[in-house]
């Protein structure tokens, strides 16, 4: 079993430059596969892979629900209001942007 793992393609591309080449090659193959199997059958406005048109940016001003994972003091949820203290297991609603850092710090979870 261990000798068969030595020749596995994922082991071949798992180091350094080969990994980058492997990832690029995989992306090109996936793109070609999508074009050949699905996109060529779509109407003309939808039959290309243009990243700028197909990926939309999230609305950072939309309201979200979040649950507090750990006590956090002096959090400014509303720029027009006063800072609040967040206690563990509380559920709040807020715009996404003011609490994005708490999400990155894993102090809250989106609900």
N, C-alpha and C. Protein backbone atom coordinates (compact mmCIF):
# COMPACT_ATOMS: atom_id res chain seq x y z
N UNK A 1 0.83 -1.20 0.00
CA UNK A 1 0.00 0.00 0.00
C UNK A 1 0.86 1.25 0.00
N UNK A 2 1.92 1.29 0.79
CA UNK A 2 2.76 2.48 0.85
C UNK A 2 3.48 2.74 -0.47
N UNK A 3 3.84 1.68 -1.21
CA UNK A 3 4.51 1.90 -2.49
C UNK A 3 3.56 2.49 -3.51
N UNK A 4 2.24 2.17 -3.43
CA UNK A 4 1.29 2.74 -4.38
C UNK A 4 1.06 4.22 -4.10
N UNK A 5 1.24 4.65 -2.85
CA UNK A 5 1.06 6.06 -2.52
C UNK A 5 2.19 6.92 -3.08
N UNK A 6 3.36 6.33 -3.27
CA UNK A 6 4.49 7.10 -3.80
C UNK A 6 4.21 7.61 -5.20
N UNK A 7 3.41 6.93 -5.98
CA UNK A 7 3.16 7.30 -7.36
C UNK A 7 1.86 8.06 -7.55
N UNK A 8 1.19 8.38 -6.43
CA UNK A 8 -0.08 9.11 -6.49
C UNK A 8 0.17 10.52 -7.03
N UNK A 9 -0.62 10.99 -8.00
CA UNK A 9 -0.41 12.33 -8.56
C UNK A 9 -0.47 13.43 -7.51
N UNK A 10 -1.30 13.27 -6.47
CA UNK A 10 -1.36 14.32 -5.46
C UNK A 10 -0.05 14.43 -4.70
N UNK A 11 0.66 13.31 -4.52
CA UNK A 11 1.98 13.37 -3.88
C UNK A 11 2.98 14.05 -4.80
N UNK A 12 2.85 13.86 -6.11
CA UNK A 12 3.77 14.46 -7.06
C UNK A 12 3.67 15.98 -7.04
N UNK A 13 2.44 16.52 -6.89
CA UNK A 13 2.29 17.97 -6.96
C UNK A 13 2.26 18.62 -5.59
N UNK A 14 2.52 17.89 -4.52
CA UNK A 14 2.37 18.46 -3.19
C UNK A 14 3.57 19.25 -2.70
N UNK A 15 4.58 19.45 -3.52
CA UNK A 15 5.74 20.19 -3.03
C UNK A 15 6.11 21.32 -3.99
N UNK A 16 6.40 22.48 -3.41
CA UNK A 16 6.96 23.62 -4.12
C UNK A 16 6.32 24.01 -5.43
N UNK A 17 7.16 24.14 -6.46
CA UNK A 17 6.74 24.61 -7.78
C UNK A 17 5.75 23.65 -8.40
N UNK A 18 5.91 22.36 -8.17
CA UNK A 18 5.00 21.38 -8.74
C UNK A 18 3.58 21.57 -8.25
N UNK A 19 3.42 22.02 -6.99
CA UNK A 19 2.08 22.26 -6.45
C UNK A 19 1.42 23.40 -7.18
N UNK A 20 2.15 24.47 -7.44
CA UNK A 20 1.58 25.61 -8.16
C UNK A 20 1.23 25.22 -9.59
N UNK A 21 2.10 24.48 -10.24
CA UNK A 21 1.83 24.02 -11.59
C UNK A 21 0.61 23.11 -11.60
N UNK A 22 0.53 22.22 -10.62
CA UNK A 22 -0.59 21.30 -10.53
C UNK A 22 -1.90 22.03 -10.31
N UNK A 23 -1.90 23.06 -9.47
CA UNK A 23 -3.12 23.82 -9.22
C UNK A 23 -3.56 24.56 -10.48
N UNK A 24 -2.61 25.15 -11.18
CA UNK A 24 -2.96 25.86 -12.43
C UNK A 24 -3.48 24.89 -13.48
N UNK A 25 -2.84 23.74 -13.58
CA UNK A 25 -3.26 22.73 -14.55
C UNK A 25 -4.66 22.21 -14.19
N UNK A 26 -4.91 22.01 -12.92
CA UNK A 26 -6.23 21.57 -12.47
C UNK A 26 -7.28 22.61 -12.82
N UNK A 27 -6.99 23.89 -12.60
CA UNK A 27 -7.93 24.96 -12.93
C UNK A 27 -8.22 24.98 -14.43
N UNK A 28 -7.19 24.87 -15.25
CA UNK A 28 -7.38 24.86 -16.70
C UNK A 28 -8.24 23.66 -17.13
N UNK A 29 -7.97 22.50 -16.55
CA UNK A 29 -8.74 21.31 -16.88
C UNK A 29 -10.21 21.46 -16.46
N UNK A 30 -10.42 22.03 -15.28
CA UNK A 30 -11.78 22.25 -14.81
C UNK A 30 -12.52 23.23 -15.71
N UNK A 31 -11.85 24.29 -16.10
CA UNK A 31 -12.44 25.27 -17.00
C UNK A 31 -12.83 24.61 -18.33
N UNK A 32 -11.93 23.85 -18.89
CA UNK A 32 -12.20 23.16 -20.15
C UNK A 32 -13.38 22.19 -19.99
N UNK A 33 -13.40 21.46 -18.89
CA UNK A 33 -14.48 20.52 -18.63
C UNK A 33 -15.82 21.24 -18.57
N UNK A 34 -15.88 22.38 -17.85
CA UNK A 34 -17.13 23.12 -17.75
C UNK A 34 -17.57 23.66 -19.11
N UNK A 35 -16.63 24.14 -19.88
CA UNK A 35 -16.97 24.65 -21.21
C UNK A 35 -17.51 23.54 -22.10
N UNK A 36 -16.88 22.39 -22.05
CA UNK A 36 -17.26 21.29 -22.93
C UNK A 36 -18.54 20.57 -22.50
N UNK A 37 -18.83 20.54 -21.21
CA UNK A 37 -19.99 19.78 -20.76
C UNK A 37 -21.23 20.63 -20.52
N UNK A 38 -21.06 21.86 -20.07
CA UNK A 38 -22.23 22.63 -19.69
C UNK A 38 -22.35 23.96 -20.43
N UNK A 39 -21.30 24.73 -20.45
CA UNK A 39 -21.41 26.09 -20.97
C UNK A 39 -21.75 26.16 -22.45
N UNK A 40 -21.31 25.21 -23.22
CA UNK A 40 -21.60 25.28 -24.66
C UNK A 40 -23.08 25.05 -24.95
N UNK A 41 -23.81 24.53 -23.97
CA UNK A 41 -25.24 24.30 -24.13
C UNK A 41 -26.09 25.46 -23.58
N UNK A 42 -25.46 26.45 -22.99
CA UNK A 42 -26.18 27.58 -22.40
C UNK A 42 -26.41 28.66 -23.45
N UNK A 43 -27.40 29.53 -23.24
CA UNK A 43 -27.60 30.66 -24.15
C UNK A 43 -26.38 31.57 -24.15
N UNK A 44 -26.17 32.30 -25.22
CA UNK A 44 -24.93 33.06 -25.41
C UNK A 44 -24.56 34.01 -24.27
N UNK A 45 -25.48 34.69 -23.60
CA UNK A 45 -25.02 35.56 -22.52
C UNK A 45 -24.41 34.80 -21.34
N UNK A 46 -24.67 33.50 -21.24
CA UNK A 46 -24.22 32.73 -20.09
C UNK A 46 -23.16 31.69 -20.41
N UNK A 47 -22.65 31.65 -21.62
CA UNK A 47 -21.77 30.55 -21.99
C UNK A 47 -20.28 30.89 -21.94
N UNK A 48 -19.90 31.80 -21.06
CA UNK A 48 -18.46 32.03 -20.86
C UNK A 48 -18.16 32.11 -19.36
N UNK A 49 -16.91 32.04 -19.03
CA UNK A 49 -16.48 32.08 -17.64
C UNK A 49 -15.79 33.41 -17.35
N UNK A 50 -16.53 34.47 -17.30
CA UNK A 50 -15.97 35.79 -17.01
C UNK A 50 -16.12 36.04 -15.51
N UNK A 51 -14.99 36.06 -14.79
CA UNK A 51 -15.03 36.21 -13.34
C UNK A 51 -15.72 37.50 -12.91
N UNK A 52 -15.45 38.58 -13.62
CA UNK A 52 -16.02 39.87 -13.23
C UNK A 52 -17.54 39.87 -13.31
N UNK A 53 -18.09 39.13 -14.25
CA UNK A 53 -19.54 39.09 -14.40
C UNK A 53 -20.20 38.02 -13.55
N UNK A 54 -19.48 36.96 -13.24
CA UNK A 54 -20.11 35.83 -12.55
C UNK A 54 -19.98 35.88 -11.03
N UNK A 55 -19.06 36.68 -10.51
CA UNK A 55 -18.88 36.75 -9.07
C UNK A 55 -19.40 38.09 -8.58
N UNK A 56 -20.34 38.05 -7.66
CA UNK A 56 -20.88 39.29 -7.11
C UNK A 56 -20.28 39.55 -5.74
N UNK A 57 -20.15 40.80 -5.40
CA UNK A 57 -19.62 41.18 -4.09
C UNK A 57 -20.76 41.15 -3.07
N UNK A 58 -20.48 40.71 -1.86
CA UNK A 58 -21.53 40.70 -0.85
C UNK A 58 -21.88 42.12 -0.42
N UNK A 59 -23.10 42.30 0.04
CA UNK A 59 -23.53 43.59 0.55
C UNK A 59 -23.10 43.69 2.01
N UNK A 60 -22.06 44.47 2.28
CA UNK A 60 -21.53 44.57 3.63
C UNK A 60 -22.42 45.39 4.55
N UNK A 61 -23.41 46.07 3.99
CA UNK A 61 -24.36 46.83 4.81
C UNK A 61 -25.63 46.06 5.12
N UNK A 62 -25.69 44.80 4.71
CA UNK A 62 -26.88 44.01 5.01
C UNK A 62 -26.86 43.58 6.48
N UNK A 63 -28.05 43.37 7.02
CA UNK A 63 -28.17 42.96 8.41
C UNK A 63 -28.01 41.45 8.52
N UNK A 64 -27.35 41.03 9.59
CA UNK A 64 -27.11 39.62 9.85
C UNK A 64 -27.39 39.33 11.33
N UNK A 65 -27.68 38.08 11.64
CA UNK A 65 -27.80 37.64 13.02
C UNK A 65 -26.49 36.97 13.40
N UNK A 66 -26.06 37.22 14.65
CA UNK A 66 -24.85 36.55 15.12
C UNK A 66 -25.01 36.13 16.56
N UNK A 67 -24.29 35.07 16.92
CA UNK A 67 -24.29 34.54 18.29
C UNK A 67 -22.91 34.74 18.88
N UNK A 68 -22.86 35.22 20.09
CA UNK A 68 -21.59 35.54 20.75
C UNK A 68 -20.97 34.27 21.31
N UNK A 69 -19.70 34.03 20.98
CA UNK A 69 -18.98 32.85 21.46
C UNK A 69 -18.25 33.11 22.76
N UNK A 70 -17.78 34.36 22.96
CA UNK A 70 -17.07 34.70 24.19
C UNK A 70 -17.40 36.14 24.57
N UNK A 71 -17.40 36.41 25.87
CA UNK A 71 -17.71 37.74 26.35
C UNK A 71 -16.76 38.76 25.73
N UNK A 72 -17.33 39.85 25.24
CA UNK A 72 -16.54 40.91 24.60
C UNK A 72 -17.12 42.24 25.04
N UNK A 73 -16.26 43.14 25.50
CA UNK A 73 -16.70 44.43 26.02
C UNK A 73 -16.46 45.56 25.02
N UNK A 74 -17.26 46.60 25.15
CA UNK A 74 -17.12 47.84 24.38
C UNK A 74 -17.09 47.62 22.87
N UNK A 75 -18.12 46.98 22.37
CA UNK A 75 -18.24 46.72 20.94
C UNK A 75 -19.19 47.76 20.34
N UNK A 76 -18.76 48.42 19.30
CA UNK A 76 -19.58 49.43 18.64
C UNK A 76 -20.35 48.78 17.50
N UNK A 77 -21.57 48.32 17.80
CA UNK A 77 -22.39 47.66 16.80
C UNK A 77 -23.02 48.68 15.87
N UNK A 78 -23.49 49.79 16.45
CA UNK A 78 -24.12 50.86 15.67
C UNK A 78 -23.27 52.12 15.81
N UNK A 79 -22.72 52.63 14.72
CA UNK A 79 -21.85 53.82 14.81
C UNK A 79 -22.55 55.03 15.43
N UNK A 80 -23.88 55.06 15.39
CA UNK A 80 -24.62 56.18 15.97
C UNK A 80 -24.90 55.97 17.44
N UNK A 81 -24.67 54.77 17.95
CA UNK A 81 -25.00 54.45 19.34
C UNK A 81 -23.77 54.34 20.21
N UNK A 82 -23.99 53.88 21.41
CA UNK A 82 -22.92 53.67 22.38
C UNK A 82 -22.38 52.26 22.26
N UNK A 83 -21.12 52.04 22.68
CA UNK A 83 -20.58 50.67 22.69
C UNK A 83 -21.38 49.79 23.65
N UNK A 84 -21.47 48.51 23.31
CA UNK A 84 -22.21 47.56 24.15
C UNK A 84 -21.29 46.42 24.55
N UNK A 85 -21.66 45.76 25.63
CA UNK A 85 -20.95 44.56 26.07
C UNK A 85 -21.72 43.35 25.54
N UNK A 86 -21.02 42.42 24.94
CA UNK A 86 -21.63 41.21 24.40
C UNK A 86 -21.29 40.05 25.32
N UNK A 87 -22.32 39.32 25.74
CA UNK A 87 -22.13 38.17 26.62
C UNK A 87 -22.29 36.88 25.85
N UNK A 88 -21.59 35.88 26.27
CA UNK A 88 -21.61 34.57 25.63
C UNK A 88 -23.04 34.06 25.48
N UNK A 89 -23.32 33.45 24.31
CA UNK A 89 -24.59 32.82 23.95
C UNK A 89 -25.71 33.81 23.64
N UNK A 90 -25.45 35.10 23.68
CA UNK A 90 -26.47 36.07 23.25
C UNK A 90 -26.56 36.06 21.73
N UNK A 91 -27.75 36.38 21.23
CA UNK A 91 -27.95 36.51 19.79
C UNK A 91 -28.33 37.95 19.50
N UNK A 92 -27.67 38.54 18.51
CA UNK A 92 -27.88 39.94 18.15
C UNK A 92 -28.11 40.06 16.65
N UNK A 93 -28.61 41.22 16.25
CA UNK A 93 -28.72 41.57 14.84
C UNK A 93 -27.92 42.86 14.64
N UNK A 94 -27.19 42.91 13.53
CA UNK A 94 -26.35 44.07 13.24
C UNK A 94 -26.03 44.08 11.75
N UNK A 95 -25.57 45.21 11.29
CA UNK A 95 -25.00 45.23 9.95
C UNK A 95 -23.71 44.43 9.99
N UNK A 96 -23.33 43.87 8.86
CA UNK A 96 -22.16 43.00 8.83
C UNK A 96 -20.86 43.75 9.11
N UNK A 97 -20.68 44.90 8.48
CA UNK A 97 -19.40 45.60 8.53
C UNK A 97 -18.91 45.91 9.94
N UNK A 98 -19.75 46.43 10.85
CA UNK A 98 -19.24 46.74 12.19
C UNK A 98 -18.75 45.54 13.00
N UNK A 99 -19.24 44.35 12.69
CA UNK A 99 -18.84 43.18 13.49
C UNK A 99 -17.91 42.23 12.72
N UNK A 100 -17.46 42.65 11.56
CA UNK A 100 -16.59 41.78 10.74
C UNK A 100 -15.32 41.38 11.48
N UNK A 101 -14.74 42.30 12.23
CA UNK A 101 -13.50 41.95 12.95
C UNK A 101 -13.77 40.89 14.02
N UNK A 102 -14.93 40.97 14.67
CA UNK A 102 -15.27 39.94 15.67
C UNK A 102 -15.41 38.57 15.02
N UNK A 103 -15.95 38.56 13.82
CA UNK A 103 -16.08 37.31 13.09
C UNK A 103 -14.71 36.75 12.73
N UNK A 104 -13.82 37.63 12.25
CA UNK A 104 -12.45 37.20 11.92
C UNK A 104 -11.69 36.72 13.14
N UNK A 105 -11.97 37.31 14.29
CA UNK A 105 -11.30 36.91 15.53
C UNK A 105 -11.99 35.70 16.17
N UNK A 106 -13.05 35.19 15.52
CA UNK A 106 -13.81 34.01 15.97
C UNK A 106 -14.45 34.22 17.34
N UNK A 107 -14.85 35.46 17.63
CA UNK A 107 -15.54 35.75 18.88
C UNK A 107 -17.05 35.61 18.72
N UNK A 108 -17.52 35.56 17.45
CA UNK A 108 -18.94 35.39 17.17
C UNK A 108 -19.11 34.38 16.04
N UNK A 109 -20.33 33.86 15.91
CA UNK A 109 -20.72 33.00 14.78
C UNK A 109 -21.92 33.62 14.12
N UNK A 110 -22.00 33.50 12.81
CA UNK A 110 -23.20 33.93 12.12
C UNK A 110 -24.28 32.89 12.34
N UNK A 111 -25.52 33.35 12.49
CA UNK A 111 -26.65 32.44 12.75
C UNK A 111 -27.49 32.35 11.50
